[in-house]
C-alpha atoms as a PDB file:
ATOM      1  CA  MET A   1     -17.438   9.010   6.618  1.00  0.00           C
ATOM      2  CA  THR A   2     -14.570  10.511   4.654  1.00  0.00           C
ATOM      3  CA  GLU A   3     -11.803   8.421   3.116  1.00  0.00           C
ATOM      4  CA  LEU A   4      -9.480   9.312   6.014  1.00  0.00           C
ATOM      5  CA  GLU A   5     -12.121   8.399   8.583  1.00  0.00           C
ATOM      6  CA  VAL A   6     -12.595   5.021   6.903  1.00  0.00           C
ATOM      7  CA  LEU A   7      -8.824   4.523   6.863  1.00  0.00           C
ATOM      8  CA  MET A   8      -8.660   5.386  10.573  1.00  0.00           C
ATOM      9  CA  ASP A   9     -11.407   2.835  11.296  1.00  0.00           C
ATOM     10  CA  VAL A  10      -9.698   0.099   9.267  1.00  0.00           C
ATOM     11  CA  VAL A  11      -6.306   0.788  10.848  1.00  0.00           C
ATOM     12  CA  ARG A  12      -7.808   0.615  14.336  1.00  0.00           C
ATOM     13  CA  ARG A  13      -9.458  -2.719  13.489  1.00  0.00           C
ATOM     14  CA  PHE A  14      -6.178  -4.161  12.171  1.00  0.00           C
ATOM     15  CA  GLU A  15      -4.308  -2.916  15.229  1.00  0.00           C
ATOM     16  CA  HIS A  16      -6.923  -4.299  17.628  1.00  0.00           C
ATOM     17  CA  ALA A  17      -6.639  -7.683  15.856  1.00  0.00           C
ATOM     18  CA  ARG A  18      -2.825  -7.407  15.931  1.00  0.00           C
ATOM     19  CA  ILE A  19      -2.547  -7.684  12.160  1.00  0.00           C
ATOM     20  CA  ALA A  20       0.546  -5.881  10.873  1.00  0.00           C
ATOM     21  CA  TYR A  21      -0.181  -3.490   7.999  1.00  0.00           C
ATOM     22  CA  MET A  22       1.182  -0.554   6.059  1.00  0.00           C
ATOM     23  CA  VAL A  23      -0.587   2.049   3.963  1.00  0.00           C
ATOM     24  CA  THR A  24       0.710   2.531   0.424  1.00  0.00           C
ATOM     25  CA  GLY A  25      -0.579   3.886  -2.906  1.00  0.00           C
ATOM     26  CA  SER A  26      -2.124   7.318  -3.296  1.00  0.00           C
ATOM     27  CA  ILE A  27      -2.585   7.923   0.444  1.00  0.00           C
ATOM     28  CA  ALA A  28       1.189   7.499   0.881  1.00  0.00           C
ATOM     29  CA  LEU A  29       1.823   9.642  -2.216  1.00  0.00           C
ATOM     30  CA  SER A  30      -0.348  12.384  -0.705  1.00  0.00           C
ATOM     31  CA  TYR A  31       1.627  12.195   2.532  1.00  0.00           C
ATOM     32  CA  TYR A  32       5.074  12.346   0.908  1.00  0.00           C
ATOM     33  CA  ALA A  33       4.572  14.519  -2.162  1.00  0.00           C
ATOM     34  CA  GLU A  34       1.296  15.779  -3.548  1.00  0.00           C
ATOM     35  CA  PRO A  35      -2.361  15.073  -2.911  1.00  0.00           C
ATOM     36  CA  ARG A  36      -4.069  13.105  -5.640  1.00  0.00           C
ATOM     37  CA  MET A  37      -7.617  11.901  -5.983  1.00  0.00           C
ATOM     38  CA  THR A  38      -7.869   8.181  -5.484  1.00  0.00           C
ATOM     39  CA  ARG A  39     -10.365   5.506  -6.320  1.00  0.00           C
ATOM     40  CA  ASP A  40      -9.400   3.344  -3.371  1.00  0.00           C
ATOM     41  CA  VAL A  41      -7.147   2.962  -0.365  1.00  0.00           C
ATOM     42  CA  ASP A  42      -4.234   0.503  -0.619  1.00  0.00           C
ATOM     43  CA  ILE A  43      -3.085  -1.375   2.475  1.00  0.00           C
ATOM     44  CA  VAL A  44      -0.516  -4.179   2.649  1.00  0.00           C
ATOM     45  CA  VAL A  45      -1.089  -6.752   5.395  1.00  0.00           C
ATOM     46  CA  GLU A  46       1.186  -9.401   6.844  1.00  0.00           C
ATOM     47  CA  CYS A  47      -0.922 -12.480   7.539  1.00  0.00           C
ATOM     48  CA  GLY A  48      -1.699 -15.976   6.313  1.00  0.00           C
ATOM     49  CA  SER A  49      -4.648 -18.203   5.452  1.00  0.00           C
ATOM     50  CA  ARG A  50      -5.135 -19.031   9.141  1.00  0.00           C
ATOM     51  CA  ASP A  51      -6.282 -15.391   9.571  1.00  0.00           C
ATOM     52  CA  ALA A  52      -9.015 -15.525   6.894  1.00  0.00           C
ATOM     53  CA  GLN A  53     -12.003 -15.963   9.211  1.00  0.00           C
ATOM     54  CA  GLN A  54     -10.723 -13.328  11.633  1.00  0.00           C
ATOM     55  CA  ILE A  55     -10.289 -10.792   8.832  1.00  0.00           C
ATOM     56  CA  ALA A  56     -13.670 -11.562   7.279  1.00  0.00           C
ATOM     57  CA  THR A  57     -15.480 -11.016  10.584  1.00  0.00           C
ATOM     58  CA  LEU A  58     -13.285  -8.070  11.626  1.00  0.00           C
ATOM     59  CA  PHE A  59     -15.055  -5.692   9.250  1.00  0.00           C
ATOM     60  CA  ARG A  60     -18.647  -6.902   9.405  1.00  0.00           C
ATOM     61  CA  PRO A  61     -21.303  -5.451   9.479  1.00  0.00           C
ATOM     62  CA  ASP A  62     -19.906  -2.025   8.477  1.00  0.00           C
ATOM     63  CA  TYR A  63     -18.065  -3.291   5.400  1.00  0.00           C
ATOM     64  CA  TYR A  64     -18.803  -5.652   2.576  1.00  0.00           C
ATOM     65  CA  VAL A  65     -16.162  -8.369   2.642  1.00  0.00           C
ATOM     66  CA  SER A  66     -16.253 -11.764   0.950  1.00  0.00           C
ATOM     67  CA  GLY A  67     -14.856 -14.521   3.144  1.00  0.00           C
ATOM     68  CA  GLU A  68     -14.113 -16.563   0.016  1.00  0.00           C
ATOM     69  CA  ASP A  69     -12.133 -13.686  -1.517  1.00  0.00           C
ATOM     70  CA  VAL A  70     -10.170 -13.205   1.705  1.00  0.00           C
ATOM     71  CA  LEU A  71      -9.286 -16.899   1.912  1.00  0.00           C
ATOM     72  CA  ARG A  72      -8.305 -17.048  -1.783  1.00  0.00           C
ATOM     73  CA  ALA A  73      -6.134 -13.923  -1.480  1.00  0.00           C
ATOM     74  CA  LEU A  74      -4.383 -15.218   1.634  1.00  0.00           C
ATOM     75  CA  ARG A  75      -3.748 -18.632   0.058  1.00  0.00           C
ATOM     76  CA  GLU A  76      -2.559 -17.194  -3.277  1.00  0.00           C
ATOM     77  CA  VAL A  77      -0.790 -14.173  -1.730  1.00  0.00           C
ATOM     78  CA  THR A  78      -2.703 -11.653  -3.832  1.00  0.00           C
ATOM     79  CA  MET A  79      -5.296  -9.085  -2.764  1.00  0.00           C
ATOM     80  CA  PHE A  80      -8.923  -8.729  -1.766  1.00  0.00           C
ATOM     81  CA  ASN A  81     -11.278  -5.784  -1.404  1.00  0.00           C
ATOM     82  CA  ILE A  82     -13.403  -4.485   1.395  1.00  0.00           C
ATOM     83  CA  LEU A  83     -16.030  -1.811   0.886  1.00  0.00           C
ATOM     84  CA  HIS A  84     -17.270   0.564   3.558  1.00  0.00           C
ATOM     85  CA  LEU A  85     -21.022   0.315   3.059  1.00  0.00           C
ATOM     86  CA  GLU A  86     -22.035   3.796   4.237  1.00  0.00           C
ATOM     87  CA  SER A  87     -19.412   5.849   2.385  1.00  0.00           C
ATOM     88  CA  VAL A  88     -18.692   3.404  -0.462  1.00  0.00           C
ATOM     89  CA  VAL A  89     -14.931   3.789   0.098  1.00  0.00           C
ATOM     90  CA  LYS A  90     -13.151   0.768  -1.381  1.00  0.00           C
ATOM     91  CA  LEU A  91      -9.991  -0.621   0.172  1.00  0.00           C
ATOM     92  CA  ASP A  92      -7.553  -2.902  -1.628  1.00  0.00           C
ATOM     93  CA  ILE A  93      -5.993  -5.198   0.950  1.00  0.00           C
ATOM     94  CA  ILE A  94      -2.741  -6.578  -0.477  1.00  0.00           C
ATOM     95  CA  VAL A  95      -1.203  -9.653   1.130  1.00  0.00           C
ATOM     96  CA  ARG A  96       2.542  -9.134   1.618  1.00  0.00           C
ATOM     97  CA  LYS A  97       4.622 -11.422  -0.563  1.00  0.00           C
ATOM     98  CA  ASP A  98       7.514 -13.382   0.929  1.00  0.00           C
ATOM     99  CA  THR A  99      10.163 -12.172  -1.525  1.00  0.00           C
ATOM    100  CA  LEU A 100      13.357 -10.675  -0.134  1.00  0.00           C
ATOM    101  CA  TYR A 101      12.409  -7.206  -1.346  1.00  0.00           C
ATOM    102  CA  ARG A 102       8.797  -7.271  -0.070  1.00  0.00           C
ATOM    103  CA  VAL A 103       9.894  -8.512   3.375  1.00  0.00           C
ATOM    104  CA  ASN A 104      12.493  -5.717   3.503  1.00  0.00           C
ATOM    105  CA  GLU A 105       9.952  -3.136   2.303  1.00  0.00           C
ATOM    106  CA  PHE A 106       7.501  -4.135   5.038  1.00  0.00           C
ATOM    107  CA  ALA A 107      10.222  -4.029   7.695  1.00  0.00           C
ATOM    108  CA  ARG A 108      11.050  -0.439   6.648  1.00  0.00           C
ATOM    109  CA  LYS A 109       7.502   0.882   7.138  1.00  0.00           C
ATOM    110  CA  ARG A 110       7.321   3.901   9.382  1.00  0.00           C
ATOM    111  CA  GLN A 111       4.733   5.322  11.710  1.00  0.00           C
ATOM    112  CA  VAL A 112       3.464   8.714  10.586  1.00  0.00           C
ATOM    113  CA  SER A 113       0.792  11.090  11.819  1.00  0.00           C
ATOM    114  CA  LEU A 114      -2.269  11.784   9.720  1.00  0.00           C
ATOM    115  CA  PRO A 115      -5.020  14.144  10.894  1.00  0.00           C
ATOM    116  CA  GLY A 116      -6.404  12.534  14.037  1.00  0.00           C
ATOM    117  CA  PHE A 117      -4.423   9.292  14.095  1.00  0.00           C
ATOM    118  CA  ASP A 118      -1.100   7.554  13.519  1.00  0.00           C
ATOM    119  CA  VAL A 119      -0.630   4.979  10.793  1.00  0.00           C
ATOM    120  CA  TRP A 120       2.093   2.620   9.543  1.00  0.00           C
ATOM    121  CA  MET A 121       3.128   3.741   6.067  1.00  0.00           C
ATOM    122  CA  VAL A 122       5.434   2.478   3.356  1.00  0.00           C
ATOM    123  CA  SER A 123       8.735   4.385   3.157  1.00  0.00           C
ATOM    124  CA  LYS A 124       9.065   6.984   0.418  1.00  0.00           C
ATOM    125  CA  GLU A 125      11.784   5.001  -1.365  1.00  0.00           C
ATOM    126  CA  ASP A 126       9.758   1.796  -1.330  1.00  0.00           C
ATOM    127  CA  LEU A 127       6.733   3.678  -2.649  1.00  0.00           C
ATOM    128  CA  ILE A 128       8.912   4.941  -5.517  1.00  0.00           C
ATOM    129  CA  LEU A 129      10.084   1.410  -6.308  1.00  0.00           C
ATOM    130  CA  SER A 130       6.549   0.035  -6.178  1.00  0.00           C
ATOM    131  CA  LYS A 131       5.245   2.786  -8.434  1.00  0.00           C
ATOM    132  CA  LEU A 132       8.013   2.008 -10.924  1.00  0.00           C
ATOM    133  CA  ALA A 133       7.009  -1.667 -10.824  1.00  0.00           C
ATOM    134  CA  TRP A 134       3.334  -0.718 -11.352  1.00  0.00           C
ATOM    135  CA  ALA A 135       4.287   1.620 -14.216  1.00  0.00           C
ATOM    136  CA  LYS A 136       6.587  -0.768 -16.062  1.00  0.00           C
ATOM    137  CA  PRO A 137       4.070  -2.982 -17.926  1.00  0.00           C
ATOM    138  CA  SER A 138       2.013  -0.087 -19.298  1.00  0.00           C
ATOM    139  CA  MET A 139       4.456   2.822 -18.960  1.00  0.00           C
ATOM    140  CA  SER A 140       1.653   4.553 -17.043  1.00  0.00           C
ATOM    141  CA  GLU A 141       2.271   8.290 -17.175  1.00  0.00           C
ATOM    142  CA  LEU A 142       0.263   8.710 -13.982  1.00  0.00           C
ATOM    143  CA  GLN A 143       2.592   6.367 -12.056  1.00  0.00           C
ATOM    144  CA  LEU A 144       5.695   7.949 -13.602  1.00  0.00           C
ATOM    145  CA  HIS A 145       4.407  11.428 -12.719  1.00  0.00           C
ATOM    146  CA  ASP A 146       3.988  10.196  -9.136  1.00  0.00           C
ATOM    147  CA  VAL A 147       7.571   8.876  -9.157  1.00  0.00           C
ATOM    148  CA  ARG A 148       8.901  12.245 -10.348  1.00  0.00           C
ATOM    149  CA  ALA A 149       6.869  14.069  -7.682  1.00  0.00           C
ATOM    150  CA  LEU A 150       8.281  11.771  -4.985  1.00  0.00           C
ATOM    151  CA  LEU A 151      11.860  12.112  -6.275  1.00  0.00           C
ATOM    152  CA  ALA A 152      11.488  15.909  -6.287  1.00  0.00           C
ATOM    153  CA  THR A 153      11.041  15.827  -2.501  1.00  0.00           C
ATOM    154  CA  GLY A 154      14.363  13.999  -2.049  1.00  0.00           C
ATOM    155  CA  ALA A 155      15.045  10.283  -1.734  1.00  0.00           C
ATOM    156  CA  ASP A 156      17.820   7.851  -0.866  1.00  0.00           C
ATOM    157  CA  VAL A 157      19.043   7.178  -4.403  1.00  0.00           C
ATOM    158  CA  GLU A 158      21.579   4.605  -3.201  1.00  0.00           C
ATOM    159  CA  TYR A 159      18.745   2.572  -1.665  1.00  0.00           C
ATOM    160  CA  LEU A 160      16.669   2.912  -4.854  1.00  0.00           C
ATOM    161  CA  ARG A 161      19.568   1.710  -6.996  1.00  0.00           C
ATOM    162  CA  ARG A 162      20.237  -1.176  -4.589  1.00  0.00           C
ATOM    163  CA  TRP A 163      16.694  -2.604  -4.880  1.00  0.00           C
ATOM    164  CA  ALA A 164      15.637  -1.573  -8.417  1.00  0.00           C
ATOM    165  CA  PRO A 165      17.215  -4.700  -9.982  1.00  0.00           C
ATOM    166  CA  GLU A 166      15.091  -6.920  -7.687  1.00  0.00           C
ATOM    167  CA  LEU A 167      11.980  -5.437  -9.319  1.00  0.00           C
ATOM    168  CA  SER A 168      13.516  -5.182 -12.813  1.00  0.00           C
ATOM    169  CA  VAL A 169      13.047  -1.401 -12.844  1.00  0.00           C
ATOM    170  CA  SER A 170      16.655  -0.143 -12.957  1.00  0.00           C
ATOM    171  CA  GLU A 171      16.381   1.332 -16.443  1.00  0.00           C
ATOM    172  CA  LEU A 172      13.071   2.977 -15.634  1.00  0.00           C
ATOM    173  CA  LEU A 173      14.491   4.393 -12.394  1.00  0.00           C
ATOM    174  CA  GLU A 174      17.514   5.861 -14.159  1.00  0.00           C
ATOM    175  CA  GLY A 175      15.227   7.450 -16.733  1.00  0.00           C
ATOM    176  CA  GLN A 176      13.217   9.141 -13.994  1.00  0.00           C
ATOM    177  CA  LEU A 177      16.340  10.239 -12.127  1.00  0.00           C
ATOM    178  CA  GLY A 178      17.649  11.822 -15.343  1.00  0.00           C
ATOM    179  CA  GLU A 179      14.547  13.954 -15.875  1.00  0.00           C
END
């Protein structure tokens, strides 16, 4: 299976289980701006520790998934991985945080069409903000390049400036807008 086929399978499983999700990371970057090779697929999910067993069994036997890791991630609101055994495609499943910004970001997700299926995806502006937050600790040139590529396609700058302070990335945003 290709990365997109694995994504389609995972999305269908989440939808069948009625688990809200949104695709982010390099898949979203490829949709909005420019294709980039990725090492994994990033998906944000909206669920709690009561869903741990359901999620762990949802992907077996086609995926490696640790029930302990799922439960820990749901309790600590972090992330866990699943691995498609046949294709060795890794998926980072990120548990949505309950901060004002992350709740708003998830509410703004939009349904888009990928080849062969529809998927819920992070908005372009929220992807920009997240990439700025990921870039900030290390000043990752890869993340900043992605931000510039996304900005080059047009973005709601007012929205970006409204939420950048919540993620402590205002200065970094302004630097990217000025380039």
